[in-house]
Amino acid sequence: MVINRIAPHYYEEPPISGTNGSGTVFFGGCVMRCEFCQNALISRKPTGKSYTPKELAEEIKRLEGEGVHNINFVTPTQWSDGIRRALDIYRPSIPIVYNTSGYEKLEVIKELLPYVDVFLPDYKYGNQNLGLRLSKRKDYPQIALDAIELMVKEKPSIYEGELIKQGVIIRHLVLPGYVDNSKIALDNLVNRLGANFTLSLMSQFTPMPNCSDPNRRLKPIEYKMVINHALKLGITDIFTQEISSAEETYIPHFDI
């Protein structure tokens, strides 16, 4: 497995980061090809340090010893087999978070169910043509929706105080200029899942040098329109972000 960062991270949703941080493992490579990827430095190709399952297991143990609230595998799909083998070697007493684009095969999710406590999937697109144009994945809306439905079915929410121990938090990044896509994405989720799910509605889009579309930050009115649509649909369990989160200072430093 290729990994670019292993460290506590404090900028996830509050039930994940808590006060001590989330023990994040940023993997190299990705199954998506998003034009606007904030982590393009490591996602375009797996360039970093190689770890065996045994070495990853040792890093998991180290992070746990530092007092983090969970182990958070970020962009893990292409290394899911090695991750399972690492967890066979050492399973921590804290939750395992699977932080994914949502573009997952059902077979892989089923294999991960005994290992993963919290799924943190994106649901990026309701519009399949936009998924093709911006991420090279025309079938994204259906593939991701099927995977998320399985996650929600198999991992009902369990909290201990303000920290999540098991469950699913569905992320959606509102893209500048594409409010309609966000509305369709939320419609799709509610039509499939009902409105009783946890939504993380993200405003943090940051235009990167390699991104020509979208090429600006989100306007407050755009974000408000999507929040209002979520509420109109009956979604009440929603995390929101300050617009000021759209800064490169929130992007971690990676080892290449």
Foldseek 3Di string as FASTA:
>chain_A
DFWWDFAFAQPDPCQQQPPQGEGETEFAAAPWAFLQDLVCVRHPGNDHDDDALCRVLVSLVVRVVSPTQEYEYARCQVPLVRPVVSVVVPPDPHFYEYAHQLQDDQVSLVVCLVPHFEYEYEQEFLQLVVCCVRIVGSCSNVNSLVNVLVQQVSWPWDGDVSHTRHHYEYEYEDFAPPLVGLLSSLVSNCVRPNQPHAYEYEQQRAGDPSHPPPHDGHDPVSSVVSVVSSVVSVNDRYHYDDNVNNDSVSPDDTGD
